[in-house]
Every structure is written in C-alpha cells, then in structure tokens.
Amino acid sequence: MIQYLIIAVVVSWSAVVVFKKVFPKTANSVFSSLSVFCEKQGWTILAKWLKPKMTFGCAGGCGCSSEDKLTNTVQEIKPIKWQ
C-alpha cells in the first residue's frame, strides 16, 4: 500500500516539474495565485514556499538558472595544428 503512495508522490512531483518547464508563464501565475490564497488562509510558510521566484533575463523559459550571473569572458580560440 505504501508503494502506491510513493509512486503517486513521484508522479505528481514530475507533473509539476514538467508543467513548470513547458508552461513557465502559466505556472508562475498559478503558483502566484496559490501563494496569495495560502497567505489569506494564514499559511505563511506554505505561501512563501509556493511563491514563484522572480525571473530576469530570458524569463526562465530556456531552462537556464535565474541565479546564473552574466559573465563576459572571452575564450581564446587556438588553431588546430595537424601533424
């Protein structure tokens, strides 16, 4: 019986992750409204956990981390020497 609960939790978590990756703007609005609802109910810890992080740059749709910092490092290109 416990294995069904574990499988249900894993499948639900996977569905949430896919939803956030495929529909980032919709997911942000859904989690924002859930956060506001939880805040009105007095569940501040759950509301804080559900509140979406502020995205910047590419708006989080490309899969890059929002914590990544822009680095303008230029890599030197070395020519290939054939022997």
N, C-alpha and C. Protein backbone atom coordinates (compact mmCIF):
# COMPACT_ATOMS: atom_id res chain seq x y z
N MET A 1 0.82 -1.19 0.00
CA MET A 1 0.00 0.00 0.00
C MET A 1 0.87 1.27 0.00
N ILE A 2 1.98 1.24 0.73
CA ILE A 2 2.84 2.42 0.82
C ILE A 2 3.51 2.72 -0.52
N GLN A 3 3.75 1.67 -1.33
CA GLN A 3 4.39 1.89 -2.62
C GLN A 3 3.50 2.71 -3.54
N TYR A 4 2.17 2.56 -3.43
CA TYR A 4 1.26 3.37 -4.25
C TYR A 4 1.34 4.85 -3.86
N LEU A 5 1.51 5.10 -2.58
CA LEU A 5 1.65 6.48 -2.12
C LEU A 5 2.96 7.08 -2.63
N ILE A 6 4.03 6.33 -2.58
CA ILE A 6 5.32 6.81 -3.06
C ILE A 6 5.26 7.08 -4.57
N ILE A 7 4.66 6.16 -5.32
CA ILE A 7 4.54 6.34 -6.76
C ILE A 7 3.68 7.56 -7.08
N ALA A 8 2.60 7.76 -6.34
CA ALA A 8 1.73 8.92 -6.56
C ALA A 8 2.47 10.22 -6.30
N VAL A 9 3.29 10.25 -5.26
CA VAL A 9 4.06 11.46 -4.95
C VAL A 9 5.09 11.74 -6.05
N VAL A 10 5.77 10.70 -6.51
CA VAL A 10 6.79 10.88 -7.56
C VAL A 10 6.15 11.34 -8.87
N VAL A 11 5.03 10.74 -9.25
CA VAL A 11 4.35 11.13 -10.48
C VAL A 11 3.81 12.56 -10.38
N SER A 12 3.26 12.91 -9.23
CA SER A 12 2.76 14.28 -9.05
C SER A 12 3.89 15.30 -9.12
N TRP A 13 4.99 15.00 -8.47
CA TRP A 13 6.15 15.90 -8.50
C TRP A 13 6.67 16.05 -9.92
N SER A 14 6.73 14.95 -10.67
CA SER A 14 7.18 15.01 -12.06
C SER A 14 6.24 15.84 -12.92
N ALA A 15 4.94 15.72 -12.69
CA ALA A 15 3.97 16.50 -13.44
C ALA A 15 4.14 18.00 -13.16
N VAL A 16 4.41 18.36 -11.92
CA VAL A 16 4.63 19.77 -11.58
C VAL A 16 5.89 20.30 -12.26
N VAL A 17 6.95 19.51 -12.26
CA VAL A 17 8.20 19.94 -12.89
C VAL A 17 8.01 20.13 -14.39
N VAL A 18 7.33 19.21 -15.04
CA VAL A 18 7.08 19.32 -16.48
C VAL A 18 6.19 20.53 -16.76
N PHE A 19 5.17 20.75 -15.94
CA PHE A 19 4.28 21.90 -16.09
C PHE A 19 5.07 23.20 -16.00
N LYS A 20 6.00 23.28 -15.06
CA LYS A 20 6.80 24.49 -14.91
C LYS A 20 7.76 24.69 -16.08
N LYS A 21 8.26 23.60 -16.67
CA LYS A 21 9.19 23.71 -17.80
C LYS A 21 8.46 24.05 -19.10
N VAL A 22 7.31 23.44 -19.33
CA VAL A 22 6.61 23.61 -20.60
C VAL A 22 5.82 24.92 -20.63
N PHE A 23 5.19 25.27 -19.53
CA PHE A 23 4.36 26.48 -19.45
C PHE A 23 4.87 27.40 -18.33
N PRO A 24 6.00 28.08 -18.51
CA PRO A 24 6.56 28.86 -17.40
C PRO A 24 5.70 30.04 -16.98
N LYS A 25 5.09 30.75 -17.92
CA LYS A 25 4.27 31.91 -17.54
C LYS A 25 2.99 31.48 -16.85
N THR A 26 2.35 30.43 -17.35
CA THR A 26 1.14 29.92 -16.72
C THR A 26 1.46 29.37 -15.33
N ALA A 27 2.57 28.67 -15.22
CA ALA A 27 2.96 28.12 -13.92
C ALA A 27 3.21 29.24 -12.91
N ASN A 28 3.85 30.32 -13.35
CA ASN A 28 4.08 31.44 -12.43
C ASN A 28 2.77 32.05 -11.96
N SER A 29 1.80 32.20 -12.86
CA SER A 29 0.53 32.79 -12.45
C SER A 29 -0.25 31.84 -11.54
N VAL A 30 -0.20 30.53 -11.81
CA VAL A 30 -0.90 29.56 -10.96
C VAL A 30 -0.27 29.52 -9.57
N PHE A 31 1.04 29.43 -9.50
CA PHE A 31 1.69 29.37 -8.20
C PHE A 31 1.58 30.70 -7.44
N SER A 32 1.52 31.80 -8.17
CA SER A 32 1.32 33.09 -7.52
C SER A 32 -0.07 33.18 -6.89
N SER A 33 -1.09 32.74 -7.62
CA SER A 33 -2.45 32.77 -7.07
C SER A 33 -2.60 31.78 -5.91
N LEU A 34 -1.94 30.62 -6.00
CA LEU A 34 -1.95 29.69 -4.86
C LEU A 34 -1.26 30.29 -3.65
N SER A 35 -0.19 31.03 -3.89
CA SER A 35 0.52 31.68 -2.80
C SER A 35 -0.35 32.74 -2.12
N VAL A 36 -1.07 33.51 -2.93
CA VAL A 36 -1.96 34.54 -2.36
C VAL A 36 -3.08 33.87 -1.56
N PHE A 37 -3.65 32.78 -2.07
CA PHE A 37 -4.70 32.05 -1.34
C PHE A 37 -4.18 31.54 0.00
N CYS A 38 -3.00 30.94 -0.01
CA CYS A 38 -2.43 30.42 1.24
C CYS A 38 -2.12 31.55 2.22
N GLU A 39 -1.70 32.69 1.70
CA GLU A 39 -1.43 33.85 2.56
C GLU A 39 -2.72 34.34 3.24
N LYS A 40 -3.83 34.33 2.49
CA LYS A 40 -5.12 34.74 3.07
C LYS A 40 -5.60 33.77 4.13
N GLN A 41 -5.26 32.49 3.97
CA GLN A 41 -5.66 31.48 4.95
C GLN A 41 -4.78 31.50 6.20
N GLY A 42 -3.64 32.20 6.12
CA GLY A 42 -2.75 32.28 7.26
C GLY A 42 -1.62 31.27 7.21
N TRP A 43 -1.46 30.59 6.10
CA TRP A 43 -0.42 29.60 5.95
C TRP A 43 0.80 30.27 5.32
N THR A 44 1.53 31.03 6.11
CA THR A 44 2.60 31.85 5.57
C THR A 44 3.78 31.03 5.06
N ILE A 45 4.12 29.94 5.72
CA ILE A 45 5.26 29.14 5.28
C ILE A 45 4.95 28.47 3.94
N LEU A 46 3.75 27.93 3.79
CA LEU A 46 3.35 27.32 2.52
C LEU A 46 3.26 28.38 1.43
N ALA A 47 2.75 29.57 1.77
CA ALA A 47 2.66 30.66 0.79
C ALA A 47 4.04 31.09 0.33
N LYS A 48 4.98 31.15 1.25
CA LYS A 48 6.35 31.52 0.90
C LYS A 48 7.01 30.46 0.03
N TRP A 49 6.69 29.19 0.28
CA TRP A 49 7.24 28.09 -0.49
C TRP A 49 6.66 28.05 -1.91
N LEU A 50 5.37 28.39 -2.05
CA LEU A 50 4.71 28.35 -3.35
C LEU A 50 4.98 29.58 -4.21
N LYS A 51 5.37 30.68 -3.57
CA LYS A 51 5.59 31.92 -4.32
C LYS A 51 6.70 31.74 -5.34
N PRO A 52 6.41 32.04 -6.62
CA PRO A 52 7.44 31.84 -7.65
C PRO A 52 8.57 32.85 -7.49
N LYS A 53 9.76 32.39 -7.87
CA LYS A 53 10.93 33.27 -7.81
C LYS A 53 10.85 34.28 -8.94
N MET A 54 11.35 35.46 -8.70
CA MET A 54 11.37 36.48 -9.74
C MET A 54 12.41 36.09 -10.77
N THR A 55 12.01 36.08 -12.02
CA THR A 55 12.93 35.72 -13.09
C THR A 55 13.38 36.97 -13.81
N PHE A 56 14.53 36.89 -14.42
CA PHE A 56 15.05 38.02 -15.18
C PHE A 56 15.82 37.46 -16.36
N GLY A 57 16.20 38.30 -17.25
CA GLY A 57 16.94 37.85 -18.43
C GLY A 57 16.00 37.24 -19.45
N CYS A 58 16.05 35.94 -19.57
CA CYS A 58 15.23 35.25 -20.58
C CYS A 58 13.89 34.82 -20.00
N ALA A 59 13.53 35.26 -18.83
CA ALA A 59 12.26 34.97 -18.16
C ALA A 59 12.12 33.50 -17.77
N GLY A 60 13.21 32.80 -17.71
CA GLY A 60 13.17 31.44 -17.20
C GLY A 60 12.63 30.40 -18.17
N GLY A 61 12.37 30.77 -19.41
CA GLY A 61 11.79 29.82 -20.34
C GLY A 61 12.80 28.94 -21.04
N CYS A 62 14.07 29.26 -20.94
CA CYS A 62 15.07 28.49 -21.68
C CYS A 62 15.70 27.38 -20.86
N GLY A 63 15.41 27.32 -19.59
CA GLY A 63 15.99 26.27 -18.77
C GLY A 63 17.23 26.70 -18.03
N CYS A 64 17.72 27.91 -18.28
CA CYS A 64 18.90 28.36 -17.56
C CYS A 64 18.49 28.82 -16.17
N SER A 65 19.39 28.77 -15.26
CA SER A 65 19.11 29.12 -13.89
C SER A 65 18.99 30.63 -13.75
N SER A 66 18.06 31.08 -12.91
CA SER A 66 17.92 32.52 -12.69
C SER A 66 19.03 33.05 -11.79
N GLU A 67 19.79 32.13 -11.15
CA GLU A 67 20.90 32.55 -10.30
C GLU A 67 22.19 32.75 -11.09
N ASP A 68 22.18 32.33 -12.36
CA ASP A 68 23.38 32.49 -13.18
C ASP A 68 23.68 33.97 -13.37
N LYS A 69 24.92 34.31 -13.24
CA LYS A 69 25.35 35.68 -13.45
C LYS A 69 25.97 35.79 -14.83
N LEU A 70 25.76 36.93 -15.45
CA LEU A 70 26.33 37.13 -16.77
C LEU A 70 27.83 37.31 -16.64
N THR A 71 28.55 36.55 -17.40
CA THR A 71 29.99 36.69 -17.42
C THR A 71 30.41 36.92 -18.85
N ASN A 72 31.14 37.97 -19.07
CA ASN A 72 31.61 38.31 -20.40
C ASN A 72 33.06 37.88 -20.57
N THR A 73 33.29 36.61 -20.43
CA THR A 73 34.65 36.09 -20.60
C THR A 73 34.83 35.70 -22.06
N VAL A 74 35.93 36.11 -22.61
CA VAL A 74 36.25 35.78 -24.00
C VAL A 74 37.26 34.65 -23.98
N GLN A 75 36.90 33.55 -24.62
CA GLN A 75 37.80 32.42 -24.67
C GLN A 75 38.69 32.54 -25.90
N GLU A 76 39.94 32.28 -25.70
CA GLU A 76 40.89 32.36 -26.81
C GLU A 76 40.74 31.12 -27.69
N ILE A 77 40.60 31.34 -28.98
CA ILE A 77 40.47 30.24 -29.91
C ILE A 77 41.85 29.90 -30.45
N LYS A 78 42.24 28.65 -30.26
CA LYS A 78 43.56 28.22 -30.72
C LYS A 78 43.38 27.40 -32.00
N PRO A 79 44.21 27.66 -32.99
CA PRO A 79 44.10 26.90 -34.24
C PRO A 79 44.58 25.47 -34.05
N ILE A 80 44.02 24.57 -34.86
CA ILE A 80 44.42 23.17 -34.81
C ILE A 80 45.65 22.98 -35.66
N LYS A 81 46.66 22.34 -35.10
CA LYS A 81 47.88 22.07 -35.83
C LYS A 81 47.89 20.59 -36.21
N TRP A 82 47.86 20.35 -37.51
CA TRP A 82 47.89 18.98 -37.98
C TRP A 82 49.34 18.52 -38.12
N GLN A 83 49.57 17.29 -37.76
CA GLN A 83 50.93 16.77 -37.82
C GLN A 83 51.06 15.71 -38.88
